[in-house]
C-alpha cells in the first residue's frame, strides 16, 4: 500500500460516534424519501392499479374477449384497501430507490479509495436501469402472455357445458405482477453483481464458464420457484437469466483484461524507473577550485 493510500485512509477514518451520527442522518433521508414516495403512490393508488391492469386488457384482446370490460373482484371489505397499501409500498420503494442508493453510497464512499469510488459509481447507475428494463419486459410481454395463458383455460359460450370464467382478485393480480417484476428486476442485477465480484477478485470468468451447466439448471429451478406455475413465465424468466449469465461471463473477462493491462502498465513503469540512470552527484561533477 502506497503512502498516498495510507494518507487517504487516515483522512477517511472517524470515531465511532461520528459514524453513528452519519448513519442516522442517512437513514433519516432514506426513510423520509420512502415515506414521501409512499404517500404519493397511495394517493394515486387507483390510477397506478389501473395502469397495471393494462396487460390484462391486452391478454383479453389476444384471447378474443372484450378488452374494454375487464373484471377484477375483492372478497373481503378491507382487501382492496390493503392492496392499495401494498401497491403504495412497492411503488414507494421503486421511486425512492435512487435516493436510498445515494444515501448508502454517501455513507460507504468515505471508506473507499478514490479509484474504488470511481469504479462503484457506474454500477450504482446501471442497477436501477437494469431493474427498469426487467420490469418493462414483464409489463409489456410476460404479464400479457401469462394472463393470456390463464384466460385460454376458460369455458365460455353457449356450447360449453359448464361456464368457467376467470375473475381474479385484486390482491392476487397485484401479487402476480409484483412477483414477476421483482423476479425479473433481481435477475437483471446478475451482470452487476458478478462484475463487482470480479473486480474485487471473488469471482473469475473461468469459474463462471466451469459452472455454466450448473447455472442453466439453477436458472430453471429458480424460475420455477419465483414465478407462477405455468411454463410461459418459468421459461420466460429462465431464458433471460441464462442470457444474462453469458453477459456476466463477458463482463468478467473485460474486467480481468483491464486489470491485466493495468498490472502490465504498472510493471513497465516500475521497470522503467529502475532502469533510469541515477542523477549525477553535483559534488563529483564539480571541477577543482
Protein backbone atom coordinates (compact mmCIF):
# COMPACT_ATOMS: atom_id res chain seq x y z
CA UNK A 1 0.00 0.00 0.00
CA UNK A 2 1.43 3.36 -1.02
CA UNK A 3 1.88 6.35 1.27
CA UNK A 4 -0.84 8.28 -0.60
CA UNK A 5 -3.34 5.48 0.02
CA UNK A 6 -2.34 5.37 3.71
CA UNK A 7 -2.96 9.10 3.99
CA UNK A 8 -6.33 8.72 2.28
CA UNK A 9 -7.38 6.01 4.73
CA UNK A 10 -6.24 8.14 7.69
CA UNK A 11 -8.28 11.10 6.41
CA UNK A 12 -11.37 8.90 5.97
CA UNK A 13 -11.16 7.38 9.47
CA UNK A 14 -13.51 8.80 12.08
CA UNK A 15 -14.59 7.96 15.63
CA UNK A 16 -17.46 5.52 16.10
CA UNK A 17 -19.85 8.22 17.33
CA UNK A 18 -19.35 10.19 14.10
CA UNK A 19 -20.13 7.08 12.04
CA UNK A 20 -23.32 6.51 14.04
CA UNK A 21 -24.39 10.13 13.58
CA UNK A 22 -23.70 9.84 9.85
CA UNK A 23 -25.65 6.56 9.70
CA UNK A 24 -28.61 8.16 11.47
CA UNK A 25 -28.60 11.07 9.03
CA UNK A 26 -28.51 8.74 6.01
CA UNK A 27 -31.32 6.60 7.46
CA UNK A 28 -33.49 9.67 8.04
CA UNK A 29 -33.02 10.77 4.43
CA UNK A 30 -33.73 7.28 3.08
CA UNK A 31 -36.82 6.70 5.26
CA UNK A 32 -38.08 10.23 4.52
CA UNK A 33 -37.74 9.64 0.77
CA UNK A 34 -39.59 6.33 1.06
CA UNK A 35 -42.37 7.87 3.17
CA UNK A 36 -42.92 10.73 0.71
CA UNK A 37 -42.92 8.32 -2.24
CA UNK A 38 -45.32 6.04 -0.33
CA UNK A 39 -47.78 8.89 0.23
CA UNK A 40 -47.63 9.91 -3.43
CA UNK A 41 -48.20 6.34 -4.62
CA UNK A 42 -51.03 5.80 -2.10
CA UNK A 43 -52.75 8.98 -3.31
CA UNK A 44 -52.57 7.70 -6.91
CA UNK A 45 -53.03 4.02 -5.98
CA UNK A 46 -56.16 3.51 -8.08
CA UNK A 47 -54.57 5.12 -11.13
CA UNK A 48 -51.43 3.00 -10.69
CA UNK A 49 -53.52 -0.15 -10.30
CA UNK A 50 -55.48 0.69 -13.46
CA UNK A 51 -52.15 1.15 -15.23
CA UNK A 52 -51.05 -2.31 -14.07
CA UNK A 53 -54.31 -3.81 -15.35
CA UNK A 54 -53.50 -2.75 -18.94
CA UNK A 55 -51.51 -6.00 -19.62
CA UNK A 56 -54.62 -7.91 -18.52
CA UNK A 57 -56.62 -5.97 -21.12
CA UNK A 58 -54.08 -6.86 -23.80
CA UNK A 59 -54.34 -10.53 -22.82
CA UNK A 60 -58.15 -10.34 -23.02
CA UNK A 61 -57.89 -8.94 -26.53
CA UNK A 62 -55.50 -11.73 -27.53
CA UNK A 63 -57.92 -14.30 -26.13
CA UNK A 64 -60.79 -12.85 -28.20
CA UNK A 65 -62.62 -11.37 -25.20
CA UNK A 66 -63.95 -7.88 -24.57
CA UNK A 67 -60.84 -5.99 -23.50
CA UNK A 68 -62.87 -2.90 -22.59
CA UNK A 69 -64.66 -4.72 -19.75
CA UNK A 70 -62.08 -6.42 -17.53
CA UNK A 71 -63.48 -7.53 -14.19
CA UNK A 72 -61.46 -7.97 -11.01
CA UNK A 73 -63.05 -8.65 -7.66
CA UNK A 74 -62.26 -8.46 -3.95
CA UNK A 75 -63.94 -10.82 -1.50
CA UNK A 76 -63.25 -9.02 1.77
CA UNK A 77 -64.24 -5.44 2.64
CA UNK A 78 -60.68 -4.45 3.52
CA UNK A 79 -58.96 -6.36 0.71
CA UNK A 80 -58.73 -3.55 -1.84
CA UNK A 81 -57.59 -1.08 0.84
CA UNK A 82 -54.70 -3.32 1.88
CA UNK A 83 -53.96 -3.97 -1.78
CA UNK A 84 -53.56 -0.22 -2.25
CA UNK A 85 -51.20 -0.10 0.75
CA UNK A 86 -49.08 -2.92 -0.72
CA UNK A 87 -49.07 -1.15 -4.07
CA UNK A 88 -48.03 2.14 -2.44
CA UNK A 89 -45.21 0.41 -0.54
CA UNK A 90 -43.97 -1.29 -3.71
CA UNK A 91 -44.20 1.89 -5.77
CA UNK A 92 -42.66 3.97 -2.99
CA UNK A 93 -39.69 1.63 -2.77
CA UNK A 94 -39.17 1.81 -6.54
CA UNK A 95 -39.44 5.62 -6.62
CA UNK A 96 -37.25 6.11 -3.55
CA UNK A 97 -34.58 3.62 -4.61
CA UNK A 98 -32.31 6.26 -6.25
CA UNK A 99 -32.32 8.32 -3.05
CA UNK A 100 -31.80 5.23 -0.87
CA UNK A 101 -28.92 4.05 -3.06
CA UNK A 102 -27.39 7.54 -2.97
CA UNK A 103 -27.52 7.62 0.82
CA UNK A 104 -25.91 4.16 1.02
CA UNK A 105 -23.17 5.31 -1.34
CA UNK A 106 -22.55 8.52 0.61
CA UNK A 107 -22.21 6.50 3.82
CA UNK A 108 -19.81 3.95 2.30
CA UNK A 109 -17.84 6.28 0.00
CA UNK A 110 -15.58 7.86 2.68
CA UNK A 111 -14.15 4.40 3.43
CA UNK A 112 -13.27 3.72 -0.21
CA UNK A 113 -10.25 4.76 -2.20
CA UNK A 114 -10.69 7.28 -4.98
CA UNK A 115 -10.36 4.65 -7.71
CA UNK A 116 -12.86 2.40 -5.89
CA UNK A 117 -15.39 5.23 -5.77
CA UNK A 118 -14.97 5.83 -9.49
CA UNK A 119 -15.43 2.11 -10.15
CA UNK A 120 -18.54 1.87 -7.94
CA UNK A 121 -20.49 4.77 -9.47
CA UNK A 122 -21.25 3.12 -12.88
CA UNK A 123 -22.80 0.13 -11.09
CA UNK A 124 -24.90 2.48 -8.96
CA UNK A 125 -26.32 3.92 -12.18
CA UNK A 126 -26.63 0.60 -14.03
CA UNK A 127 -28.53 -1.19 -11.25
CA UNK A 128 -31.81 0.81 -11.42
CA UNK A 129 -31.63 0.92 -15.22
CA UNK A 130 -31.39 -2.87 -15.42
CA UNK A 131 -34.22 -3.22 -12.89
CA UNK A 132 -36.43 -0.97 -15.03
CA UNK A 133 -35.56 -3.00 -18.13
CA UNK A 134 -36.63 -6.17 -16.33
CA UNK A 135 -39.84 -4.51 -15.14
CA UNK A 136 -40.63 -3.24 -18.63
CA UNK A 137 -40.13 -6.73 -20.04
CA UNK A 138 -42.64 -8.04 -17.50
CA UNK A 139 -45.18 -5.29 -18.20
CA UNK A 140 -45.10 -5.31 -21.99
CA UNK A 141 -44.55 -9.01 -22.68
CA UNK A 142 -44.62 -11.58 -19.90
CA UNK A 143 -47.66 -10.42 -17.93
CA UNK A 144 -49.86 -10.35 -21.05
CA UNK A 145 -48.51 -13.77 -22.05
CA UNK A 146 -49.17 -15.25 -18.59
CA UNK A 147 -52.68 -13.81 -18.39
CA UNK A 148 -53.44 -14.99 -21.92
CA UNK A 149 -52.35 -18.48 -20.86
CA UNK A 150 -54.74 -18.39 -17.90
CA UNK A 151 -57.59 -16.86 -19.91
CA UNK A 152 -57.27 -19.59 -22.53
CA UNK A 153 -58.43 -22.12 -19.91
CA UNK A 154 -61.88 -20.54 -19.62
CA UNK A 155 -65.04 -22.33 -20.73
CA UNK A 156 -67.38 -19.68 -22.07
CA UNK A 157 -70.04 -19.60 -24.75
CA UNK A 158 -73.32 -21.41 -25.38
CA UNK A 159 -71.62 -24.69 -26.34
CA UNK A 160 -69.80 -25.07 -23.02
CA UNK A 161 -71.44 -27.49 -20.62
CA UNK A 162 -70.09 -25.61 -17.60
CA UNK A 163 -69.37 -21.89 -17.69
CA UNK A 164 -65.93 -21.30 -16.18
CA UNK A 165 -64.72 -17.69 -16.20
CA UNK A 166 -61.62 -16.11 -14.78
CA UNK A 167 -62.41 -13.45 -12.16
CA UNK A 168 -59.08 -12.68 -10.46
CA UNK A 169 -58.98 -10.96 -7.10
CA UNK A 170 -57.26 -7.58 -6.96
CA UNK A 171 -54.77 -8.80 -4.34
CA UNK A 172 -53.87 -11.92 -6.32
CA UNK A 173 -53.38 -10.00 -9.57
CA UNK A 174 -51.20 -7.41 -7.81
CA UNK A 175 -49.22 -10.20 -6.13
CA UNK A 176 -48.68 -11.87 -9.51
CA UNK A 177 -47.38 -8.79 -11.30
CA UNK A 178 -45.29 -7.67 -8.30
CA UNK A 179 -43.71 -11.13 -8.07
CA UNK A 180 -42.86 -11.06 -11.77
CA UNK A 181 -41.42 -7.53 -11.63
CA UNK A 182 -39.29 -8.31 -8.57
CA UNK A 183 -38.12 -11.62 -10.04
CA UNK A 184 -37.09 -10.12 -13.36
CA UNK A 185 -35.66 -7.00 -11.73
CA UNK A 186 -33.45 -9.03 -9.40
CA UNK A 187 -32.37 -11.41 -12.16
CA UNK A 188 -31.32 -8.44 -14.29
CA UNK A 189 -28.89 -7.47 -11.50
CA UNK A 190 -26.80 -10.55 -12.28
CA UNK A 191 -24.25 -8.73 -14.51
CA UNK A 192 -23.83 -6.01 -11.87
CA UNK A 193 -23.23 -8.49 -9.04
CA UNK A 194 -20.84 -10.72 -10.98
CA UNK A 195 -18.88 -7.74 -12.34
CA UNK A 196 -18.44 -6.31 -8.85
CA UNK A 197 -17.31 -9.70 -7.55
CA UNK A 198 -14.87 -9.97 -10.45
CA UNK A 199 -13.45 -6.51 -9.69
CA UNK A 200 -12.68 -7.43 -6.09
CA UNK A 201 -11.28 -10.83 -7.08
CA UNK A 202 -14.02 -13.01 -5.58
CA UNK A 203 -15.05 -14.42 -8.97
CA UNK A 204 -13.36 -15.14 -12.29
CA UNK A 205 -14.59 -15.73 -15.82
CA UNK A 206 -13.07 -19.24 -15.76
CA UNK A 207 -15.17 -20.15 -12.72
CA UNK A 208 -18.30 -18.82 -14.43
CA UNK A 209 -17.55 -20.87 -17.54
CA UNK A 210 -16.91 -24.01 -15.48
CA UNK A 211 -20.24 -23.59 -13.67
CA UNK A 212 -22.27 -22.83 -16.82
CA UNK A 213 -24.16 -26.16 -16.83
CA UNK A 214 -24.98 -25.82 -13.14
CA UNK A 215 -26.14 -22.23 -13.74
CA UNK A 216 -28.51 -23.32 -16.52
CA UNK A 217 -30.15 -25.90 -14.26
CA UNK A 218 -30.27 -23.39 -11.39
CA UNK A 219 -31.91 -20.81 -13.68
CA UNK A 220 -34.84 -23.13 -14.38
CA UNK A 221 -35.13 -24.13 -10.72
CA UNK A 222 -35.15 -20.51 -9.53
CA UNK A 223 -37.65 -19.59 -12.26
CA UNK A 224 -39.94 -22.40 -11.10
CA UNK A 225 -39.80 -21.08 -7.52
CA UNK A 226 -40.21 -17.36 -8.25
CA UNK A 227 -42.84 -17.44 -10.99
CA UNK A 228 -46.40 -18.79 -11.14
CA UNK A 229 -46.78 -22.48 -12.02
CA UNK A 230 -47.11 -22.02 -15.75
CA UNK A 231 -44.48 -22.88 -18.38
CA UNK A 232 -44.59 -19.49 -20.13
CA UNK A 233 -43.43 -17.42 -17.16
CA UNK A 234 -40.94 -20.06 -16.00
CA UNK A 235 -39.26 -20.35 -19.40
CA UNK A 236 -39.60 -16.60 -19.83
CA UNK A 237 -37.56 -15.99 -16.68
CA UNK A 238 -35.06 -18.82 -17.19
CA UNK A 239 -34.01 -17.80 -20.71
CA UNK A 240 -33.13 -14.16 -19.83
CA UNK A 241 -31.28 -15.48 -16.77
CA UNK A 242 -29.12 -17.72 -18.95
CA UNK A 243 -28.52 -14.84 -21.38
CA UNK A 244 -27.55 -12.53 -18.52
CA UNK A 245 -25.20 -15.23 -17.23
CA UNK A 246 -23.39 -15.15 -20.58
CA UNK A 247 -23.26 -11.36 -20.36
CA UNK A 248 -21.74 -11.76 -16.89
CA UNK A 249 -19.01 -14.01 -18.29
CA UNK A 250 -18.19 -11.42 -20.96
CA UNK A 251 -18.21 -8.62 -18.35
CA UNK A 252 -15.90 -10.59 -16.03
CA UNK A 253 -13.48 -11.15 -18.92
CA UNK A 254 -13.45 -7.42 -19.66
CA UNK A 255 -12.67 -6.67 -16.01
CA UNK A 256 -9.86 -9.24 -15.97
CA UNK A 257 -8.42 -7.90 -19.22
CA UNK A 258 -8.43 -4.34 -17.89
CA UNK A 259 -6.84 -5.48 -14.62
CA UNK A 260 -4.12 -7.32 -16.55
CA UNK A 261 -3.42 -4.22 -18.66
CA UNK A 262 -3.14 -2.08 -15.54
CA UNK A 263 -0.78 -4.62 -13.95
CA UNK A 264 1.46 -4.68 -17.03
CA UNK A 265 1.48 -0.90 -17.21
CA UNK A 266 2.46 -0.70 -13.53
CA UNK A 267 5.22 -3.27 -14.03
CA UNK A 268 6.50 -1.41 -17.09
CA UNK A 269 6.55 1.87 -15.20
CA UNK A 270 8.36 0.26 -12.28
CA UNK A 271 10.93 -1.34 -14.61
CA UNK A 272 11.49 1.96 -16.40
CA UNK A 273 12.00 3.68 -13.06
CA UNK A 274 14.59 1.08 -12.04
CA UNK A 275 16.42 1.26 -15.38
CA UNK A 276 16.56 5.05 -15.37
CA UNK A 277 20.12 6.34 -14.70
CA UNK A 278 20.67 7.78 -11.26
CA UNK A 279 21.14 11.55 -11.21
CA UNK A 280 24.80 12.57 -11.11
CA UNK A 281 26.07 13.96 -7.82
CA UNK A 282 26.71 17.66 -8.08
CA UNK A 283 29.80 17.36 -5.88
CA UNK A 284 31.53 14.79 -8.11
CA UNK A 285 30.84 16.80 -11.29
CA UNK A 286 32.35 19.98 -9.88
CA UNK A 287 35.90 20.71 -11.12
CA UNK A 288 38.87 21.63 -8.93
CA UNK A 289 38.72 25.06 -7.40
